[in-house]
Amino acid sequence: MSPELPFYGAYFPSWLISATLGILGSMLVRSLLIRLGVDEGMPLRTLVYIALACLIAFAISAKVFGR
């Protein structure tokens, strides 16, 4: 059974919240790196941002939903 939490009366999978926050966090970091001019010189940008989204999602999941 996957970890779930009540959300407006329905049970919502916590991994979905973590994944959404990870993607949003990665988008925020990307916009910051674009403004700083670092994004253009990064090799394998897509892989870097996917890894960053996973890192943020796993950190949120461990910190907020970990037992």
PDB file of N, CA and C in Angstrom:
ATOM      1  N   MET A   1       0.850  -1.174   0.000  1.00  0.00           N
ATOM      2  CA  MET A   1       0.000   0.000   0.000  1.00  0.00           C
ATOM      3  C   MET A   1       0.897   1.240   0.000  1.00  0.00           C
ATOM      4  N   SER A   2       0.613   2.176  -0.871  1.00  0.00           N
ATOM      5  CA  SER A   2       1.433   3.378  -0.975  1.00  0.00           C
ATOM      6  C   SER A   2       1.025   4.390   0.098  1.00  0.00           C
ATOM      7  N   PRO A   3       1.972   5.241   0.488  1.00  0.00           N
ATOM      8  CA  PRO A   3       1.634   6.259   1.490  1.00  0.00           C
ATOM      9  C   PRO A   3       0.629   7.253   0.920  1.00  0.00           C
ATOM     10  N   GLU A   4      -0.393   7.532   1.679  1.00  0.00           N
ATOM     11  CA  GLU A   4      -1.441   8.440   1.251  1.00  0.00           C
ATOM     12  C   GLU A   4      -1.740   9.428   2.353  1.00  0.00           C
ATOM     13  N   LEU A   5      -2.315  10.560   1.996  1.00  0.00           N
ATOM     14  CA  LEU A   5      -2.728  11.519   2.993  1.00  0.00           C
ATOM     15  C   LEU A   5      -4.081  12.090   2.606  1.00  0.00           C
ATOM     16  N   PRO A   6      -4.904  12.427   3.609  1.00  0.00           N
ATOM     17  CA  PRO A   6      -6.227  12.967   3.288  1.00  0.00           C
ATOM     18  C   PRO A   6      -6.107  14.378   2.711  1.00  0.00           C
ATOM     19  N   PHE A   7      -6.798  14.623   1.607  1.00  0.00           N
ATOM     20  CA  PHE A   7      -6.761  15.913   0.933  1.00  0.00           C
ATOM     21  C   PHE A   7      -8.166  16.229   0.471  1.00  0.00           C
ATOM     22  N   TYR A   8      -8.829  17.156   1.120  1.00  0.00           N
ATOM     23  CA  TYR A   8     -10.222  17.508   0.841  1.00  0.00           C
ATOM     24  C   TYR A   8     -11.129  16.282   0.900  1.00  0.00           C
ATOM     25  N   GLY A   9     -10.908  15.421   1.870  1.00  0.00           N
ATOM     26  CA  GLY A   9     -11.767  14.275   2.084  1.00  0.00           C
ATOM     27  C   GLY A   9     -11.411  13.043   1.279  1.00  0.00           C
ATOM     28  N   ALA A  10     -10.496  13.161   0.324  1.00  0.00           N
ATOM     29  CA  ALA A  10     -10.083  12.007  -0.474  1.00  0.00           C
ATOM     30  C   ALA A  10      -8.622  11.695  -0.165  1.00  0.00           C
ATOM     31  N   TYR A  11      -8.257  10.435  -0.280  1.00  0.00           N
ATOM     32  CA  TYR A  11      -6.862  10.068  -0.040  1.00  0.00           C
ATOM     33  C   TYR A  11      -6.038  10.328  -1.294  1.00  0.00           C
ATOM     34  N   PHE A  12      -4.954  11.029  -1.122  1.00  0.00           N
ATOM     35  CA  PHE A  12      -4.119  11.496  -2.219  1.00  0.00           C
ATOM     36  C   PHE A  12      -2.727  10.919  -2.034  1.00  0.00           C
ATOM     37  N   PRO A  13      -2.124  10.335  -3.059  1.00  0.00           N
ATOM     38  CA  PRO A  13      -0.792   9.748  -2.902  1.00  0.00           C
ATOM     39  C   PRO A  13       0.272  10.827  -2.656  1.00  0.00           C
ATOM     40  N   SER A  14       1.065  10.643  -1.619  1.00  0.00           N
ATOM     41  CA  SER A  14       2.055  11.648  -1.246  1.00  0.00           C
ATOM     42  C   SER A  14       3.169  11.775  -2.281  1.00  0.00           C
ATOM     43  N   TRP A  15       3.437  10.717  -3.029  1.00  0.00           N
ATOM     44  CA  TRP A  15       4.490  10.806  -4.037  1.00  0.00           C
ATOM     45  C   TRP A  15       4.116  11.777  -5.145  1.00  0.00           C
ATOM     46  N   LEU A  16       2.824  11.922  -5.412  1.00  0.00           N
ATOM     47  CA  LEU A  16       2.380  12.832  -6.456  1.00  0.00           C
ATOM     48  C   LEU A  16       2.603  14.294  -6.039  1.00  0.00           C
ATOM     49  N   ILE A  17       2.386  14.578  -4.779  1.00  0.00           N
ATOM     50  CA  ILE A  17       2.665  15.922  -4.265  1.00  0.00           C
ATOM     51  C   ILE A  17       4.159  16.203  -4.332  1.00  0.00           C
ATOM     52  N   SER A  18       4.971  15.238  -3.922  1.00  0.00           N
ATOM     53  CA  SER A  18       6.429  15.407  -3.953  1.00  0.00           C
ATOM     54  C   SER A  18       6.931  15.599  -5.382  1.00  0.00           C
ATOM     55  N   ALA A  19       6.408  14.829  -6.309  1.00  0.00           N
ATOM     56  CA  ALA A  19       6.832  14.951  -7.705  1.00  0.00           C
ATOM     57  C   ALA A  19       6.459  16.315  -8.283  1.00  0.00           C
ATOM     58  N   THR A  20       5.262  16.778  -7.976  1.00  0.00           N
ATOM     59  CA  THR A  20       4.830  18.084  -8.464  1.00  0.00           C
ATOM     60  C   THR A  20       5.703  19.196  -7.912  1.00  0.00           C
ATOM     61  N   LEU A  21       6.000  19.145  -6.621  1.00  0.00           N
ATOM     62  CA  LEU A  21       6.866  20.156  -6.018  1.00  0.00           C
ATOM     63  C   LEU A  21       8.289  20.065  -6.554  1.00  0.00           C
ATOM     64  N   GLY A  22       8.751  18.862  -6.862  1.00  0.00           N
ATOM     65  CA  GLY A  22      10.075  18.694  -7.452  1.00  0.00           C
ATOM     66  C   GLY A  22      10.165  19.317  -8.830  1.00  0.00           C
ATOM     67  N   ILE A  23       9.132  19.128  -9.638  1.00  0.00           N
ATOM     68  CA  ILE A  23       9.104  19.721 -10.977  1.00  0.00           C
ATOM     69  C   ILE A  23       9.044  21.242 -10.886  1.00  0.00           C
ATOM     70  N   LEU A  24       8.190  21.758 -10.006  1.00  0.00           N
ATOM     71  CA  LEU A  24       8.096  23.208  -9.841  1.00  0.00           C
ATOM     72  C   LEU A  24       9.410  23.799  -9.331  1.00  0.00           C
ATOM     73  N   GLY A  25      10.054  23.106  -8.397  1.00  0.00           N
ATOM     74  CA  GLY A  25      11.348  23.576  -7.890  1.00  0.00           C
ATOM     75  C   GLY A  25      12.416  23.585  -8.960  1.00  0.00           C
ATOM     76  N   SER A  26      12.421  22.571  -9.793  1.00  0.00           N
ATOM     77  CA  SER A  26      13.375  22.508 -10.891  1.00  0.00           C
ATOM     78  C   SER A  26      13.121  23.630 -11.902  1.00  0.00           C
ATOM     79  N   MET A  27      11.867  23.949 -12.135  1.00  0.00           N
ATOM     80  CA  MET A  27      11.546  25.056 -13.032  1.00  0.00           C
ATOM     81  C   MET A  27      12.018  26.387 -12.463  1.00  0.00           C
ATOM     82  N   LEU A  28      11.891  26.561 -11.161  1.00  0.00           N
ATOM     83  CA  LEU A  28      12.373  27.794 -10.525  1.00  0.00           C
ATOM     84  C   LEU A  28      13.889  27.911 -10.611  1.00  0.00           C
ATOM     85  N   VAL A  29      14.588  26.807 -10.377  1.00  0.00           N
ATOM     86  CA  VAL A  29      16.046  26.815 -10.482  1.00  0.00           C
ATOM     87  C   VAL A  29      16.465  27.092 -11.918  1.00  0.00           C
ATOM     88  N   ARG A  30      15.745  26.522 -12.869  1.00  0.00           N
ATOM     89  CA  ARG A  30      16.070  26.756 -14.286  1.00  0.00           C
ATOM     90  C   ARG A  30      15.921  28.228 -14.649  1.00  0.00           C
ATOM     91  N   SER A  31      14.838  28.863 -14.187  1.00  0.00           N
ATOM     92  CA  SER A  31      14.656  30.277 -14.499  1.00  0.00           C
ATOM     93  C   SER A  31      15.754  31.123 -13.862  1.00  0.00           C
ATOM     94  N   LEU A  32      16.201  30.743 -12.677  1.00  0.00           N
ATOM     95  CA  LEU A  32      17.301  31.455 -12.030  1.00  0.00           C
ATOM     96  C   LEU A  32      18.598  31.279 -12.820  1.00  0.00           C
ATOM     97  N   LEU A  33      18.876  30.056 -13.272  1.00  0.00           N
ATOM     98  CA  LEU A  33      20.093  29.801 -14.035  1.00  0.00           C
ATOM     99  C   LEU A  33      20.067  30.484 -15.398  1.00  0.00           C
ATOM    100  N   ILE A  34      18.890  30.623 -15.993  1.00  0.00           N
ATOM    101  CA  ILE A  34      18.782  31.345 -17.257  1.00  0.00           C
ATOM    102  C   ILE A  34      19.108  32.821 -17.041  1.00  0.00           C
ATOM    103  N   ARG A  35      18.578  33.391 -15.964  1.00  0.00           N
ATOM    104  CA  ARG A  35      18.856  34.807 -15.669  1.00  0.00           C
ATOM    105  C   ARG A  35      20.333  35.046 -15.382  1.00  0.00           C
ATOM    106  N   LEU A  36      20.995  34.068 -14.763  1.00  0.00           N
ATOM    107  CA  LEU A  36      22.413  34.206 -14.455  1.00  0.00           C
ATOM    108  C   LEU A  36      23.310  33.891 -15.649  1.00  0.00           C
ATOM    109  N   GLY A  37      22.744  33.314 -16.700  1.00  0.00           N
ATOM    110  CA  GLY A  37      23.502  32.982 -17.895  1.00  0.00           C
ATOM    111  C   GLY A  37      24.258  31.669 -17.800  1.00  0.00           C
ATOM    112  N   VAL A  38      23.962  30.865 -16.814  1.00  0.00           N
ATOM    113  CA  VAL A  38      24.640  29.586 -16.617  1.00  0.00           C
ATOM    114  C   VAL A  38      24.016  28.486 -17.470  1.00  0.00           C
ATOM    115  N   ASP A  39      22.751  28.618 -17.770  1.00  0.00           N
ATOM    116  CA  ASP A  39      22.008  27.576 -18.480  1.00  0.00           C
ATOM    117  C   ASP A  39      22.583  27.278 -19.859  1.00  0.00           C
ATOM    118  N   GLU A  40      23.042  28.302 -20.554  1.00  0.00           N
ATOM    119  CA  GLU A  40      23.542  28.113 -21.918  1.00  0.00           C
ATOM    120  C   GLU A  40      24.802  27.257 -21.978  1.00  0.00           C
ATOM    121  N   GLY A  41      25.643  27.324 -20.975  1.00  0.00           N
ATOM    122  CA  GLY A  41      26.901  26.587 -20.991  1.00  0.00           C
ATOM    123  C   GLY A  41      26.833  25.205 -20.377  1.00  0.00           C
ATOM    124  N   MET A  42      25.659  24.810 -19.895  1.00  0.00           N
ATOM    125  CA  MET A  42      25.523  23.515 -19.237  1.00  0.00           C
ATOM    126  C   MET A  42      25.384  22.387 -20.245  1.00  0.00           C
ATOM    127  N   PRO A  43      26.205  21.349 -20.140  1.00  0.00           N
ATOM    128  CA  PRO A  43      25.997  20.187 -21.010  1.00  0.00           C
ATOM    129  C   PRO A  43      24.862  19.313 -20.461  1.00  0.00           C
ATOM    130  N   LEU A  44      24.162  18.643 -21.340  1.00  0.00           N
ATOM    131  CA  LEU A  44      23.070  17.720 -20.971  1.00  0.00           C
ATOM    132  C   LEU A  44      22.038  18.387 -20.058  1.00  0.00           C
ATOM    133  N   ARG A  45      21.549  19.529 -20.488  1.00  0.00           N
ATOM    134  CA  ARG A  45      20.613  20.309 -19.674  1.00  0.00           C
ATOM    135  C   ARG A  45      19.383  19.512 -19.243  1.00  0.00           C
ATOM    136  N   THR A  46      18.807  18.764 -20.164  1.00  0.00           N
ATOM    137  CA  THR A  46      17.594  18.011 -19.842  1.00  0.00           C
ATOM    138  C   THR A  46      17.852  17.015 -18.722  1.00  0.00           C
ATOM    139  N   LEU A  47      18.949  16.302 -18.815  1.00  0.00           N
ATOM    140  CA  LEU A  47      19.293  15.334 -17.783  1.00  0.00           C
ATOM    141  C   LEU A  47      19.551  16.012 -16.437  1.00  0.00           C
ATOM    142  N   VAL A  48      20.191  17.158 -16.466  1.00  0.00           N
ATOM    143  CA  VAL A  48      20.468  17.904 -15.233  1.00  0.00           C
ATOM    144  C   VAL A  48      19.169  18.329 -14.558  1.00  0.00           C
ATOM    145  N   TYR A  49      18.218  18.847 -15.338  1.00  0.00           N
ATOM    146  CA  TYR A  49      16.965  19.307 -14.743  1.00  0.00           C
ATOM    147  C   TYR A  49      16.077  18.154 -14.280  1.00  0.00           C
ATOM    148  N   ILE A  50      16.126  17.021 -14.967  1.00  0.00           N
ATOM    149  CA  ILE A  50      15.389  15.847 -14.496  1.00  0.00           C
ATOM    150  C   ILE A  50      15.977  15.351 -13.180  1.00  0.00           C
ATOM    151  N   ALA A  51      17.306  15.303 -13.105  1.00  0.00           N
ATOM    152  CA  ALA A  51      17.966  14.875 -11.867  1.00  0.00           C
ATOM    153  C   ALA A  51      17.679  15.854 -10.732  1.00  0.00           C
ATOM    154  N   LEU A  52      17.645  17.143 -11.040  1.00  0.00           N
ATOM    155  CA  LEU A  52      17.341  18.149 -10.020  1.00  0.00           C
ATOM    156  C   LEU A  52      15.903  18.001  -9.519  1.00  0.00           C
ATOM    157  N   ALA A  53      14.970  17.747 -10.418  1.00  0.00           N
ATOM    158  CA  ALA A  53      13.576  17.542 -10.018  1.00  0.00           C
ATOM    159  C   ALA A  53      13.448  16.307  -9.129  1.00  0.00           C
ATOM    160  N   CYS A  54      14.167  15.241  -9.481  1.00  0.00           N
ATOM    161  CA  CYS A  54      14.143  14.029  -8.648  1.00  0.00           C
ATOM    162  C   CYS A  54      14.755  14.297  -7.278  1.00  0.00           C
ATOM    163  N   LEU A  55      15.855  15.020  -7.239  1.00  0.00           N
ATOM    164  CA  LEU A  55      16.504  15.341  -5.966  1.00  0.00           C
ATOM    165  C   LEU A  55      15.572  16.135  -5.063  1.00  0.00           C
ATOM    166  N   ILE A  56      14.927  17.142  -5.620  1.00  0.00           N
ATOM    167  CA  ILE A  56      13.998  17.957  -4.833  1.00  0.00           C
ATOM    168  C   ILE A  56      12.815  17.113  -4.364  1.00  0.00           C
ATOM    169  N   ALA A  57      12.263  16.288  -5.253  1.00  0.00           N
ATOM    170  CA  ALA A  57      11.117  15.448  -4.895  1.00  0.00           C
ATOM    171  C   ALA A  57      11.481  14.447  -3.798  1.00  0.00           C
ATOM    172  N   PHE A  58      12.646  13.805  -3.915  1.00  0.00           N
ATOM    173  CA  PHE A  58      13.060  12.843  -2.896  1.00  0.00           C
ATOM    174  C   PHE A  58      13.330  13.525  -1.557  1.00  0.00           C
ATOM    175  N   ALA A  59      13.921  14.711  -1.598  1.00  0.00           N
ATOM    176  CA  ALA A  59      14.194  15.443  -0.358  1.00  0.00           C
ATOM    177  C   ALA A  59      12.895  15.856   0.329  1.00  0.00           C
ATOM    178  N   ILE A  60      11.925  16.338  -0.435  1.00  0.00           N
ATOM    179  CA  ILE A  60      10.639  16.704   0.140  1.00  0.00           C
ATOM    180  C   ILE A  60       9.934  15.480   0.700  1.00  0.00           C
ATOM    181  N   SER A  61       9.982  14.397  -0.046  1.00  0.00           N
ATOM    182  CA  SER A  61       9.326  13.172   0.415  1.00  0.00           C
ATOM    183  C   SER A  61       9.947  12.661   1.712  1.00  0.00           C
ATOM    184  N   ALA A  62      11.257  12.694   1.796  1.00  0.00           N
ATOM    185  CA  ALA A  62      11.922  12.215   3.007  1.00  0.00           C
ATOM    186  C   ALA A  62      11.681  13.148   4.190  1.00  0.00           C
ATOM    187  N   LYS A  63      11.714  14.447   3.948  1.00  0.00           N
ATOM    188  CA  LYS A  63      11.576  15.411   5.029  1.00  0.00           C
ATOM    189  C   LYS A  63      10.129  15.520   5.533  1.00  0.00           C
ATOM    190  N   VAL A  64       9.190  15.584   4.593  1.00  0.00           N
ATOM    191  CA  VAL A  64       7.788  15.838   4.985  1.00  0.00           C
ATOM    192  C   VAL A  64       7.047  14.539   5.309  1.00  0.00           C
ATOM    193  N   PHE A  65       7.213  13.518   4.460  1.00  0.00           N
ATOM    194  CA  PHE A  65       6.424  12.304   4.617  1.00  0.00           C
ATOM    195  C   PHE A  65       7.202  11.140   5.217  1.00  0.00           C
ATOM    196  N   GLY A  66       8.473  11.326   5.500  1.00  0.00           N
ATOM    197  CA  GLY A  66       9.283  10.244   6.085  1.00  0.00           C
ATOM    198  C   GLY A  66       8.847   9.954   7.516  1.00  0.00           C
ATOM    199  N   ARG A  67       9.046   8.719   7.913  1.00  0.00           N
ATOM    200  CA  ARG A  67       8.619   8.336   9.276  1.00  0.00           C
ATOM    201  C   ARG A  67       9.774   7.861  10.077  1.00  0.00           C
TER     202      ARG A  67
END
